[in-house]
Amino acid sequence: MPAMEFQTSADEEAGRSHSNGKRGGWITFPFIAATLVGLMLAGSGWMLNLIVYLIKVFNVKSIDATQITNILNGSVTMLPIIAAILADSFFGNFSVVAISSFFSLLGVVLLTLTASINSLRPHCETGSSFCQAPSRVQFAVLYAAIALATIGQGAMRFTLATLGANQFDKPQHQGVYFNWFFCIFFASGIISSTIIVYVEDSISWGLGFGICAASNFVGLVIFLLGNRFYKHDKPQGSPYTGLARVIVAAIQKRNVPLSSISEDYYHEKDERSKTMVATPPRRLRFLNRAALKTDEDVKSDGSIVKSWRLCTVEEVENLKALLRIFPLWSSTLFLSTPIAILLSMTVLQALAMDRRLGSNFKIPAGSTVVVALISNCIFLSIFDQFFLPTWQKLARRSLTPLHRIGVGHVLNVLSIAIAALVESRRLKIANTKHIQAQPGAIVPMAVLWLFPQLIVSGLADVFHFPGQVTLYYISRISSFSPKHSNCHDIFDSSDCLLCEHCFGGPDQECCRYRNIEEEMARSVKEDNEETRQEG
């Protein structure tokens, strides 16, 4: 951990913050960390074992339980985007985290009630395999619990990371903060996916979910107690409005001929415009009309007549940057689908395999996926020190984000291929033993056979996820200025999650692309040279 080198300055910053009556600084970190531990223990504790709960307690078919789990995982992935927009545009980080944590608490409490109250779950005859199907009321309570808890967990995670990062003004302190924050993030996930899942699977579902509810409650209370120390950022409005204005303005002026003269285009009048393009490049030139000035657009004093008819060159280039990275972003949809299926299928496979370790211990089916998380952490810890230098020696060039994404894709395909071979072997053994058609039958095949696919999947995340997020960071558009911190941190905090938490800090190789202005200036220079050559 690189925290020691900043410890003295961090303490000084916290002391100055407290003595001067200013908010923020390291004094807020214990509250953020405790909140994260409580909410992560609660969230991972029920999410990782939900598919087992649906099958064993609610008698849901395996295929239906898998679909429910996949929808849940997809929602948790997409909700941070909505939460970021709400936090930056309307409510602020503190309100979004507090409200989403409360939603998560309500959901986990309802889930605990379904496991504790007999009337809220289906009834099974003692000593018989016959179980009733869940009633509409039971399904309604179950789905309400899952929906509330999912909304809370999805909206909270990256917003909490952003709120904590905003407490610091120095990039070095932010790097150390992310380092500790996401180490706690992973550690809490490992604890909940082992200890809490074991309690649910081996002792009592009600007790396990009750522990999750208690952790969520404690985390929420600690978060609220730290409010007096937090530095609050005021909402600054949605950054997406400018992007929409470009499309509308370009359509309105679709018949206006383009110009190659810089003065014919409307520029942003501030310091940021010094690094921007003087004349819009010819790429996606249809959108250039949005910044083209006409007699109807500008008053005699230079002000804009209608903001939805004339945009700045910078806003046009922002939209172009977003469109350029869209194909790469959309490719992850094809990758995320088999990965989600792989993790869900792993739990189902574990339920039908021999999970015994020794004579007295049985691995909970929901805990098998923790192997991927442990693999991720191990490979991350050696990636910067071992793999990157080896790559540079063999290839004689640095590993670019696109290279990392490509390697990640290959490894994900390999993990799915391994999973297919393991499942083929499991089905072959089941057919040989004539137990495939028997409900709840255990195939005499050790659950350790599932570990290779999970290890390779964890290694794939080390390449793919940080590479993609780093590329987004390079390409991020200027309308997402620092005031729109959540829109950055949908990607930025994820980047630090995977490439700083086990490394030395923001100056390491995988995070060396943070000098956005340098990258932007180089891109501007290339675009201008291209424009002059075409002219």
Protein backbone atom coordinates (compact mmCIF):
# COMPACT_ATOMS: atom_id res chain seq x y z
CA MET A 1 0.00 0.00 0.00
CA PRO A 2 1.31 3.45 -0.89
CA ALA A 3 -0.64 5.15 1.85
CA MET A 4 2.33 5.59 4.21
CA GLU A 5 4.10 8.14 2.04
CA PHE A 6 1.04 10.38 2.20
CA GLN A 7 0.19 9.74 5.82
CA THR A 8 1.79 12.88 7.23
CA SER A 9 0.34 15.19 4.60
CA ALA A 10 -3.01 13.45 4.89
CA ASP A 11 -3.06 14.05 8.65
CA GLU A 12 -2.11 17.67 8.11
CA GLU A 13 -4.90 18.07 5.57
CA ALA A 14 -7.41 16.51 7.95
CA GLY A 15 -6.19 18.71 10.78
CA ARG A 16 -6.44 21.87 8.72
CA SER A 17 -9.89 20.87 7.51
CA HIS A 18 -11.11 20.41 11.06
CA SER A 19 -9.43 23.42 12.65
CA ASN A 20 -10.48 25.83 9.92
CA GLY A 21 -14.06 24.65 9.98
CA LYS A 22 -13.78 23.35 6.42
CA ARG A 23 -15.34 20.08 5.38
CA GLY A 24 -13.70 17.18 3.61
CA GLY A 25 -10.28 15.60 3.96
CA TRP A 26 -9.16 12.33 5.53
CA ILE A 27 -11.44 12.80 8.51
CA THR A 28 -14.28 11.62 6.25
CA PHE A 29 -12.59 8.38 5.21
CA PRO A 30 -13.52 6.28 8.30
CA PHE A 31 -17.18 7.08 7.67
CA ILE A 32 -16.91 6.25 3.96
CA ALA A 33 -15.00 3.03 4.67
CA ALA A 34 -17.43 1.84 7.36
CA THR A 35 -20.37 2.63 5.08
CA LEU A 36 -18.78 0.65 2.27
CA VAL A 37 -18.14 -2.36 4.50
CA GLY A 38 -21.73 -2.41 5.76
CA LEU A 39 -23.35 -1.99 2.35
CA MET A 40 -21.03 -4.41 0.56
CA LEU A 41 -21.49 -7.13 3.17
CA ALA A 42 -25.24 -6.69 2.79
CA GLY A 43 -25.30 -6.56 -1.01
CA SER A 44 -22.91 -9.39 -1.85
CA GLY A 45 -24.35 -11.52 0.95
CA TRP A 46 -27.73 -11.86 -0.72
CA MET A 47 -26.91 -11.33 -4.40
CA LEU A 48 -24.33 -14.09 -4.75
CA ASN A 49 -26.63 -16.68 -3.18
CA LEU A 50 -29.95 -15.51 -4.60
CA ILE A 51 -30.11 -18.16 -7.31
CA VAL A 52 -29.73 -20.90 -4.67
CA TYR A 53 -32.41 -19.28 -2.50
CA LEU A 54 -34.86 -19.14 -5.41
CA ILE A 55 -34.34 -22.81 -6.25
CA LYS A 56 -34.21 -24.29 -2.75
CA VAL A 57 -36.73 -22.11 -0.88
CA PHE A 58 -39.11 -20.73 -3.52
CA ASN A 59 -39.01 -23.82 -5.74
CA VAL A 60 -38.23 -21.74 -8.82
CA LYS A 61 -37.01 -23.71 -11.83
CA SER A 62 -33.30 -23.44 -12.53
CA ILE A 63 -33.79 -21.68 -15.86
CA ASP A 64 -36.17 -19.12 -14.32
CA ALA A 65 -33.84 -18.53 -11.36
CA THR A 66 -30.98 -17.95 -13.79
CA GLN A 67 -33.02 -15.41 -15.77
CA ILE A 68 -33.97 -13.52 -12.61
CA THR A 69 -30.33 -13.42 -11.51
CA ASN A 70 -29.16 -12.21 -14.92
CA ILE A 71 -31.74 -9.41 -14.92
CA LEU A 72 -30.57 -8.43 -11.44
CA ASN A 73 -26.91 -8.34 -12.52
CA GLY A 74 -27.75 -6.29 -15.58
CA SER A 75 -29.74 -3.81 -13.51
CA VAL A 76 -26.91 -3.40 -10.98
CA THR A 77 -24.58 -2.67 -13.89
CA MET A 78 -26.82 -0.04 -15.54
CA LEU A 79 -28.16 1.73 -12.45
CA PRO A 80 -24.89 3.59 -11.69
CA ILE A 81 -25.39 5.55 -14.91
CA ILE A 82 -28.84 6.73 -13.81
CA ALA A 83 -27.56 7.43 -10.31
CA ALA A 84 -24.66 9.48 -11.69
CA ILE A 85 -27.00 11.64 -13.75
CA LEU A 86 -29.33 12.20 -10.81
CA ALA A 87 -26.43 13.03 -8.48
CA ASP A 88 -24.71 15.45 -10.85
CA SER A 89 -27.83 17.09 -12.22
CA PHE A 90 -30.36 17.25 -9.39
CA PHE A 91 -29.74 15.81 -5.93
CA GLY A 92 -26.01 15.57 -5.22
CA ASN A 93 -23.94 12.57 -4.12
CA PHE A 94 -24.95 12.56 -0.46
CA SER A 95 -28.68 12.42 -1.13
CA VAL A 96 -28.34 9.68 -3.76
CA VAL A 97 -26.20 7.50 -1.48
CA ALA A 98 -28.51 8.02 1.52
CA ILE A 99 -31.70 7.29 -0.43
CA SER A 100 -30.27 4.29 -2.29
CA SER A 101 -28.88 2.84 0.96
CA PHE A 102 -32.33 3.16 2.51
CA PHE A 103 -33.88 1.39 -0.48
CA SER A 104 -31.30 -1.37 -0.11
CA LEU A 105 -32.17 -1.72 3.59
CA LEU A 106 -35.90 -2.01 2.84
CA GLY A 107 -35.22 -4.67 0.22
CA VAL A 108 -32.96 -6.78 2.45
CA VAL A 109 -35.45 -6.51 5.35
CA LEU A 110 -38.24 -7.78 3.07
CA LEU A 111 -35.96 -10.57 1.88
CA THR A 112 -35.29 -11.51 5.50
CA LEU A 113 -39.02 -11.63 6.17
CA THR A 114 -39.56 -14.01 3.24
CA ALA A 115 -37.02 -16.37 4.81
CA SER A 116 -38.36 -16.00 8.37
CA ILE A 117 -42.16 -15.91 8.04
CA ASN A 118 -43.74 -19.16 6.84
CA SER A 119 -46.66 -17.46 5.09
CA LEU A 120 -44.27 -15.50 2.82
CA ARG A 121 -42.65 -18.57 1.27
CA PRO A 122 -43.94 -21.84 -0.27
CA HIS A 123 -44.63 -24.81 1.97
CA CYS A 124 -42.94 -28.19 1.57
CA GLU A 125 -44.23 -31.41 3.14
CA THR A 126 -41.84 -32.80 5.76
CA GLY A 127 -39.99 -35.84 4.43
CA SER A 128 -41.46 -35.35 0.97
CA SER A 129 -40.13 -33.88 -2.25
CA PHE A 130 -43.51 -32.28 -2.97
CA CYS A 131 -43.49 -28.48 -2.58
CA GLN A 132 -46.19 -25.96 -3.35
CA ALA A 133 -45.70 -23.33 -6.00
CA PRO A 134 -45.32 -19.75 -4.67
CA SER A 135 -48.53 -17.75 -4.52
CA ARG A 136 -48.96 -14.33 -6.14
CA VAL A 137 -48.55 -12.59 -2.80
CA GLN A 138 -45.37 -14.50 -2.06
CA PHE A 139 -43.96 -13.67 -5.49
CA ALA A 140 -44.99 -10.02 -5.08
CA VAL A 141 -43.14 -9.68 -1.77
CA LEU A 142 -40.10 -11.50 -3.16
CA TYR A 143 -39.90 -9.38 -6.30
CA ALA A 144 -40.45 -6.18 -4.33
CA ALA A 145 -37.58 -7.13 -2.02
CA ILE A 146 -35.27 -7.94 -4.93
CA ALA A 147 -36.21 -4.74 -6.80
CA LEU A 148 -35.64 -2.45 -3.80
CA ALA A 149 -32.36 -4.09 -2.83
CA THR A 150 -31.12 -4.04 -6.44
CA ILE A 151 -31.94 -0.35 -6.90
CA GLY A 152 -30.16 0.47 -3.66
CA GLN A 153 -27.02 -1.51 -4.44
CA GLY A 154 -26.75 -0.35 -8.05
CA ALA A 155 -27.23 3.34 -7.28
CA MET A 156 -24.95 3.38 -4.24
CA ARG A 157 -21.65 1.83 -5.28
CA PHE A 158 -19.94 4.28 -7.60
CA THR A 159 -21.76 7.28 -6.17
CA LEU A 160 -20.26 6.52 -2.77
CA ALA A 161 -16.81 6.22 -4.38
CA THR A 162 -17.30 9.59 -6.05
CA LEU A 163 -18.49 11.27 -2.87
CA GLY A 164 -15.37 10.07 -1.08
CA ALA A 165 -13.03 11.19 -3.88
CA ASN A 166 -14.60 14.65 -3.87
CA GLN A 167 -13.47 15.14 -0.28
CA PHE A 168 -9.89 15.59 -1.49
CA ASP A 169 -8.38 18.34 -3.60
CA LYS A 170 -4.98 16.78 -4.32
CA PRO A 171 -4.75 14.01 -6.96
CA GLN A 172 -2.23 12.13 -4.77
CA HIS A 173 -4.73 11.90 -1.94
CA GLN A 174 -7.45 10.84 -4.33
CA GLY A 175 -5.18 8.05 -5.61
CA VAL A 176 -4.52 6.79 -2.08
CA TYR A 177 -8.24 7.06 -1.31
CA PHE A 178 -9.22 4.93 -4.29
CA ASN A 179 -6.51 2.46 -3.36
CA TRP A 180 -7.95 1.90 0.12
CA PHE A 181 -11.57 2.25 -0.94
CA PHE A 182 -11.50 -0.56 -3.47
CA CYS A 183 -9.30 -2.83 -1.40
CA ILE A 184 -12.08 -2.60 1.20
CA PHE A 185 -14.58 -3.12 -1.62
CA PHE A 186 -12.99 -6.42 -2.64
CA ALA A 187 -12.28 -7.58 0.90
CA SER A 188 -15.91 -7.03 1.90
CA GLY A 189 -17.07 -8.93 -1.15
CA ILE A 190 -14.84 -11.90 -0.33
CA ILE A 191 -16.03 -11.98 3.29
CA SER A 192 -19.70 -11.82 2.39
CA SER A 193 -19.40 -14.40 -0.39
CA THR A 194 -17.80 -16.89 1.99
CA ILE A 195 -18.94 -16.36 5.59
CA ILE A 196 -22.43 -14.93 5.03
CA VAL A 197 -23.17 -17.29 2.16
CA TYR A 198 -22.08 -20.22 4.37
CA VAL A 199 -24.46 -19.07 7.13
CA GLU A 200 -27.32 -18.87 4.63
CA ASP A 201 -26.59 -22.23 3.07
CA SER A 202 -25.68 -24.26 6.16
CA ILE A 203 -27.36 -22.62 9.18
CA SER A 204 -30.36 -20.46 8.33
CA TRP A 205 -31.50 -18.29 5.44
CA GLY A 206 -33.25 -15.98 7.88
CA LEU A 207 -30.09 -15.55 9.95
CA GLY A 208 -27.94 -14.93 6.87
CA PHE A 209 -30.27 -12.31 5.43
CA GLY A 210 -30.67 -10.83 8.91
CA ILE A 211 -26.90 -10.30 9.07
CA CYS A 212 -27.12 -8.55 5.69
CA ALA A 213 -29.92 -6.29 6.95
CA ALA A 214 -27.99 -5.45 10.13
CA SER A 215 -24.86 -4.63 8.11
CA ASN A 216 -26.86 -2.40 5.80
CA PHE A 217 -28.45 -0.58 8.73
CA VAL A 218 -25.12 0.01 10.49
CA GLY A 219 -23.56 1.25 7.26
CA LEU A 220 -26.40 3.70 6.65
CA VAL A 221 -26.28 5.04 10.21
CA ILE A 222 -22.51 5.59 10.06
CA PHE A 223 -22.86 7.32 6.70
CA LEU A 224 -25.45 9.75 8.09
CA LEU A 225 -23.32 10.41 11.19
CA GLY A 226 -20.48 11.59 8.96
CA ASN A 227 -22.62 14.22 7.23
CA ARG A 228 -21.19 17.06 9.33
CA PHE A 229 -17.71 16.32 7.94
CA TYR A 230 -18.57 15.77 4.25
CA LYS A 231 -17.88 18.36 1.60
CA HIS A 232 -21.03 18.62 -0.54
CA ASP A 233 -20.94 19.49 -4.23
CA LYS A 234 -23.89 21.37 -5.64
CA PRO A 235 -25.70 19.83 -8.65
CA GLN A 236 -24.59 21.57 -11.86
CA GLY A 237 -27.15 20.38 -14.39
CA SER A 238 -27.03 17.56 -16.89
CA PRO A 239 -24.01 17.40 -19.25
CA TYR A 240 -26.10 15.46 -21.75
CA THR A 241 -28.17 18.51 -22.72
CA GLY A 242 -25.29 19.88 -24.79
CA LEU A 243 -25.01 16.62 -26.70
CA ALA A 244 -28.71 16.64 -27.52
CA ARG A 245 -28.48 20.27 -28.67
CA VAL A 246 -25.83 19.32 -31.25
CA ILE A 247 -28.10 16.76 -32.89
CA VAL A 248 -31.09 19.12 -32.95
CA ALA A 249 -29.06 22.03 -34.32
CA ALA A 250 -27.42 19.89 -37.02
CA ILE A 251 -30.80 18.64 -38.21
CA GLN A 252 -32.26 22.15 -38.29
CA LYS A 253 -29.37 23.40 -40.47
CA ARG A 254 -28.96 20.27 -42.59
CA ASN A 255 -29.23 22.26 -45.84
CA VAL A 256 -26.70 24.96 -44.88
CA PRO A 257 -23.40 24.57 -46.79
CA LEU A 258 -20.31 23.97 -44.69
CA SER A 259 -17.41 26.40 -44.45
CA SER A 260 -13.64 25.92 -44.07
CA ILE A 261 -13.13 29.27 -42.32
CA SER A 262 -12.67 29.15 -38.56
CA GLU A 263 -14.49 32.45 -37.95
CA ASP A 264 -17.68 30.99 -39.41
CA TYR A 265 -17.97 28.62 -36.46
CA TYR A 266 -19.03 29.39 -32.91
CA HIS A 267 -16.35 28.75 -30.26
CA GLU A 268 -16.46 28.50 -26.51
CA LYS A 269 -14.95 31.62 -24.93
CA ASP A 270 -12.88 30.34 -22.02
CA GLU A 271 -9.47 28.90 -21.24
CA ARG A 272 -10.47 25.39 -22.28
CA SER A 273 -10.96 26.51 -25.88
CA LYS A 274 -7.21 26.97 -26.26
CA THR A 275 -6.80 23.22 -26.58
CA MET A 276 -9.79 22.75 -28.85
CA VAL A 277 -10.09 22.46 -32.63
CA ALA A 278 -10.13 25.80 -34.49
CA THR A 279 -12.04 24.39 -37.46
CA PRO A 280 -14.11 21.22 -37.02
CA PRO A 281 -12.49 18.17 -38.69
CA ARG A 282 -14.22 16.55 -41.62
CA ARG A 283 -15.03 13.40 -39.69
CA LEU A 284 -18.78 13.18 -39.14
CA ARG A 285 -18.94 16.59 -40.81
CA PHE A 286 -22.74 16.59 -40.89
CA LEU A 287 -22.59 17.51 -37.20
CA ASN A 288 -20.34 20.52 -37.97
CA ARG A 289 -23.42 22.43 -39.08
CA ALA A 290 -24.50 22.66 -35.44
CA ALA A 291 -21.58 25.06 -34.81
CA LEU A 292 -21.88 26.95 -38.11
CA LYS A 293 -23.04 30.53 -37.58
CA THR A 294 -25.80 32.01 -39.75
CA ASP A 295 -27.57 35.35 -39.69
CA GLU A 296 -30.45 33.79 -37.77
CA ASP A 297 -28.24 32.42 -35.00
CA VAL A 298 -26.29 35.37 -33.60
CA LYS A 299 -27.44 38.81 -32.44
CA SER A 300 -25.55 42.01 -33.15
CA ASP A 301 -23.87 41.86 -29.72
CA GLY A 302 -22.58 38.34 -30.41
CA SER A 303 -25.04 36.48 -28.16
CA ILE A 304 -26.95 33.39 -29.29
CA VAL A 305 -30.55 33.76 -30.43
CA LYS A 306 -31.56 30.15 -29.79
CA SER A 307 -29.34 27.75 -27.84
CA TRP A 308 -30.91 24.75 -29.58
CA ARG A 309 -29.92 26.08 -33.01
CA LEU A 310 -26.27 27.01 -32.46
CA CYS A 311 -23.68 25.05 -30.47
CA THR A 312 -19.97 25.53 -29.90
CA VAL A 313 -17.30 23.65 -31.83
CA GLU A 314 -16.32 22.07 -28.53
CA GLU A 315 -19.80 20.62 -28.02
CA VAL A 316 -19.75 19.20 -31.55
CA GLU A 317 -16.40 17.52 -30.92
CA ASN A 318 -17.72 16.14 -27.64
CA LEU A 319 -20.50 14.33 -29.45
CA LYS A 320 -18.07 13.06 -32.09
CA ALA A 321 -15.81 11.67 -29.39
CA LEU A 322 -18.77 9.85 -27.86
CA LEU A 323 -19.80 8.41 -31.22
CA ARG A 324 -16.25 7.22 -31.92
CA ILE A 325 -16.10 5.09 -28.78
CA PHE A 326 -19.67 3.82 -29.09
CA PRO A 327 -18.82 0.78 -31.30
CA LEU A 328 -16.23 -0.38 -28.77
CA TRP A 329 -18.63 0.15 -25.89
CA SER A 330 -21.40 -1.75 -27.69
CA SER A 331 -19.05 -4.71 -28.23
CA THR A 332 -19.09 -5.31 -24.48
CA LEU A 333 -22.76 -6.25 -24.74
CA PHE A 334 -21.76 -9.37 -26.64
CA LEU A 335 -19.08 -10.10 -24.05
CA SER A 336 -21.12 -9.38 -20.93
CA THR A 337 -23.89 -11.79 -21.90
CA PRO A 338 -21.80 -15.01 -21.89
CA ILE A 339 -19.91 -13.87 -18.78
CA ALA A 340 -23.18 -13.41 -16.87
CA ILE A 341 -24.36 -16.80 -18.11
CA LEU A 342 -21.04 -18.35 -17.09
CA LEU A 343 -21.30 -17.10 -13.50
CA SER A 344 -24.94 -18.15 -13.18
CA MET A 345 -24.27 -21.55 -14.70
CA THR A 346 -21.33 -22.06 -12.34
CA VAL A 347 -23.67 -21.85 -9.36
CA LEU A 348 -26.12 -24.26 -11.00
CA GLN A 349 -23.30 -26.66 -11.82
CA ALA A 350 -22.01 -26.49 -8.25
CA LEU A 351 -25.45 -27.43 -6.92
CA ALA A 352 -25.30 -30.67 -8.90
CA MET A 353 -21.67 -31.56 -8.11
CA ASP A 354 -19.78 -32.96 -5.14
CA ARG A 355 -18.92 -29.91 -3.00
CA ARG A 356 -17.36 -31.75 -0.08
CA LEU A 357 -13.93 -30.79 1.22
CA GLY A 358 -12.96 -33.44 3.68
CA SER A 359 -15.60 -35.26 5.70
CA ASN A 360 -17.28 -32.34 7.50
CA PHE A 361 -17.22 -29.29 5.23
CA LYS A 362 -19.22 -28.61 2.10
CA ILE A 363 -18.55 -25.56 -0.11
CA PRO A 364 -21.71 -23.45 -0.53
CA ALA A 365 -22.69 -23.30 -4.19
CA GLY A 366 -22.95 -19.51 -4.07
CA SER A 367 -19.37 -19.22 -2.81
CA THR A 368 -17.77 -20.85 -5.85
CA VAL A 369 -17.76 -17.59 -7.81
CA VAL A 370 -15.45 -16.05 -5.21
CA VAL A 371 -12.65 -17.93 -6.98
CA ALA A 372 -12.96 -15.45 -9.88
CA LEU A 373 -12.67 -12.52 -7.47
CA ILE A 374 -9.62 -13.97 -5.73
CA SER A 375 -8.06 -14.71 -9.12
CA ASN A 376 -8.70 -11.13 -10.13
CA CYS A 377 -6.97 -9.72 -7.06
CA ILE A 378 -3.96 -12.05 -7.36
CA PHE A 379 -3.33 -11.32 -11.02
CA LEU A 380 -3.85 -7.61 -10.49
CA SER A 381 -1.21 -7.59 -7.78
CA ILE A 382 1.43 -9.01 -10.15
CA PHE A 383 0.24 -7.45 -13.40
CA ASP A 384 2.13 -4.16 -13.15
CA GLN A 385 5.29 -5.69 -11.69
CA PHE A 386 5.58 -8.77 -13.91
CA PHE A 387 3.41 -8.84 -17.01
CA LEU A 388 3.85 -5.27 -18.25
CA PRO A 389 7.69 -5.36 -18.17
CA THR A 390 7.63 -8.76 -19.90
CA TRP A 391 5.28 -7.44 -22.60
CA GLN A 392 7.51 -4.41 -23.21
CA LYS A 393 10.62 -6.58 -23.54
CA LEU A 394 9.00 -8.99 -26.00
CA ALA A 395 6.92 -6.54 -28.03
CA ARG A 396 9.27 -3.54 -27.55
CA ARG A 397 6.32 -1.23 -27.01
CA SER A 398 3.84 -0.40 -24.28
CA LEU A 399 0.61 -2.32 -23.80
CA THR A 400 -2.15 -0.06 -25.10
CA PRO A 401 -5.75 -0.11 -23.85
CA LEU A 402 -6.87 -1.70 -27.13
CA HIS A 403 -4.32 -4.50 -26.64
CA ARG A 404 -5.66 -5.13 -23.14
CA ILE A 405 -9.22 -5.24 -24.41
CA GLY A 406 -8.28 -7.70 -27.15
CA VAL A 407 -6.43 -10.02 -24.77
CA GLY A 408 -9.38 -9.82 -22.39
CA HIS A 409 -11.77 -10.88 -25.14
CA VAL A 410 -9.59 -13.88 -26.01
CA LEU A 411 -9.34 -14.97 -22.37
CA ASN A 412 -13.09 -14.64 -21.86
CA VAL A 413 -13.71 -16.86 -24.89
CA LEU A 414 -11.20 -19.33 -23.41
CA SER A 415 -12.99 -19.36 -20.04
CA ILE A 416 -16.31 -20.07 -21.72
CA ALA A 417 -14.72 -22.86 -23.78
CA ILE A 418 -13.32 -24.42 -20.58
CA ALA A 419 -16.78 -24.16 -18.99
CA ALA A 420 -18.28 -25.96 -21.99
CA LEU A 421 -15.76 -28.81 -21.69
CA VAL A 422 -16.40 -29.16 -17.94
CA GLU A 423 -20.16 -29.19 -18.45
CA SER A 424 -19.79 -31.77 -21.23
CA ARG A 425 -17.85 -34.01 -18.85
CA ARG A 426 -20.42 -33.50 -16.07
CA LEU A 427 -23.30 -34.46 -18.37
CA LYS A 428 -21.39 -37.50 -19.60
CA ILE A 429 -20.89 -38.73 -16.03
CA ALA A 430 -24.55 -38.04 -15.23
CA ASN A 431 -25.65 -40.09 -18.25
CA THR A 432 -23.29 -42.90 -17.36
CA LYS A 433 -24.69 -43.04 -13.80
CA HIS A 434 -28.28 -42.67 -15.10
CA ILE A 435 -29.00 -39.77 -12.72
CA GLN A 436 -29.55 -36.94 -15.19
CA ALA A 437 -33.34 -37.08 -14.88
CA GLN A 438 -33.37 -37.32 -11.09
CA PRO A 439 -34.21 -33.99 -9.37
CA GLY A 440 -31.50 -32.88 -6.96
CA ALA A 441 -29.14 -35.68 -7.92
CA ILE A 442 -25.44 -35.10 -7.21
CA VAL A 443 -22.99 -36.04 -9.94
CA PRO A 444 -19.86 -37.77 -8.54
CA MET A 445 -17.59 -35.04 -9.86
CA ALA A 446 -15.64 -32.65 -7.62
CA VAL A 447 -16.62 -28.99 -7.65
CA LEU A 448 -12.92 -28.17 -8.06
CA TRP A 449 -13.42 -28.83 -11.78
CA LEU A 450 -15.17 -25.44 -11.94
CA PHE A 451 -12.16 -23.53 -10.66
CA PRO A 452 -10.17 -23.30 -13.96
CA GLN A 453 -12.95 -21.47 -15.80
CA LEU A 454 -13.34 -19.04 -12.89
CA ILE A 455 -9.58 -18.42 -12.66
CA VAL A 456 -9.35 -17.64 -16.38
CA SER A 457 -12.43 -15.42 -16.12
CA GLY A 458 -10.77 -13.46 -13.30
CA LEU A 459 -7.61 -13.09 -15.40
CA ALA A 460 -9.69 -11.86 -18.35
CA ASP A 461 -11.15 -9.08 -16.20
CA VAL A 462 -7.62 -7.93 -15.36
CA PHE A 463 -7.07 -7.22 -19.06
CA HIS A 464 -10.46 -6.30 -20.44
CA PHE A 465 -12.11 -4.11 -17.84
CA PRO A 466 -9.22 -1.74 -16.96
CA GLY A 467 -8.27 -1.47 -20.64
CA GLN A 468 -11.74 -0.44 -21.66
CA VAL A 469 -12.18 2.01 -18.81
CA THR A 470 -8.76 3.56 -19.48
CA LEU A 471 -9.72 4.03 -23.12
CA TYR A 472 -12.94 5.73 -22.02
CA TYR A 473 -10.90 7.96 -19.74
CA ILE A 474 -8.69 9.04 -22.64
CA SER A 475 -11.70 9.67 -24.87
CA ARG A 476 -13.92 11.30 -22.28
CA ILE A 477 -15.51 14.47 -23.53
CA SER A 478 -14.93 17.92 -22.16
CA SER A 479 -18.58 18.62 -21.41
CA PHE A 480 -18.16 16.10 -18.60
CA SER A 481 -16.08 18.65 -16.76
CA PRO A 482 -14.84 18.07 -13.19
CA LYS A 483 -18.12 19.46 -11.85
CA HIS A 484 -19.85 16.42 -13.36
CA SER A 485 -17.74 14.09 -11.28
CA ASN A 486 -20.13 11.14 -11.28
CA CYS A 487 -20.28 11.00 -15.06
CA HIS A 488 -16.50 10.63 -15.01
CA ASP A 489 -16.46 8.24 -12.09
CA ILE A 490 -18.80 5.75 -13.71
CA PHE A 491 -15.58 4.94 -15.55
CA ASP A 492 -12.86 6.57 -13.46
CA SER A 493 -13.60 4.89 -10.16
CA SER A 494 -13.91 1.57 -11.97
CA ASP A 495 -10.48 2.21 -13.46
CA CYS A 496 -8.97 2.86 -10.05
CA LEU A 497 -10.83 -0.15 -8.70
CA LEU A 498 -8.91 -2.49 -10.96
CA CYS A 499 -5.64 -0.74 -11.71
CA GLU A 500 -4.80 1.15 -8.52
CA HIS A 501 -6.05 -0.89 -5.60
CA CYS A 502 -3.22 -3.43 -5.79
CA PHE A 503 -0.68 -1.20 -7.54
CA GLY A 504 1.42 1.72 -6.42
CA GLY A 505 -0.89 4.60 -7.27
CA PRO A 506 -2.05 6.77 -10.16
CA ASP A 507 1.41 7.00 -11.74
CA GLN A 508 1.53 3.31 -12.59
CA GLU A 509 1.47 2.04 -16.18
CA CYS A 510 -2.22 1.20 -16.48
CA CYS A 511 -3.22 4.65 -15.22
CA ARG A 512 -0.63 6.66 -17.10
CA TYR A 513 -3.24 7.99 -19.53
CA ARG A 514 -4.69 10.44 -17.03
CA ASN A 515 -3.10 13.47 -18.68
CA ILE A 516 -6.22 14.22 -20.67
CA GLU A 517 -5.19 17.68 -21.84
CA GLU A 518 -2.01 16.29 -23.40
CA GLU A 519 -3.95 13.61 -25.23
CA MET A 520 -6.54 16.17 -26.36
CA ALA A 521 -3.87 18.59 -27.60
CA ARG A 522 -2.18 15.85 -29.59
CA SER A 523 -5.52 14.85 -31.13
CA VAL A 524 -6.23 18.49 -31.97
CA LYS A 525 -2.86 18.85 -33.68
CA GLU A 526 -3.47 15.74 -35.80
CA ASP A 527 -6.95 16.94 -36.76
CA ASN A 528 -5.67 20.36 -37.78
CA GLU A 529 -2.92 18.84 -39.91
CA GLU A 530 -5.49 16.59 -41.55
CA THR A 531 -7.75 19.57 -42.26
CA ARG A 532 -4.89 21.57 -43.84
CA GLN A 533 -3.92 18.64 -46.04
CA GLU A 534 -7.51 18.15 -47.21
CA GLY A 535 -7.80 21.92 -47.84
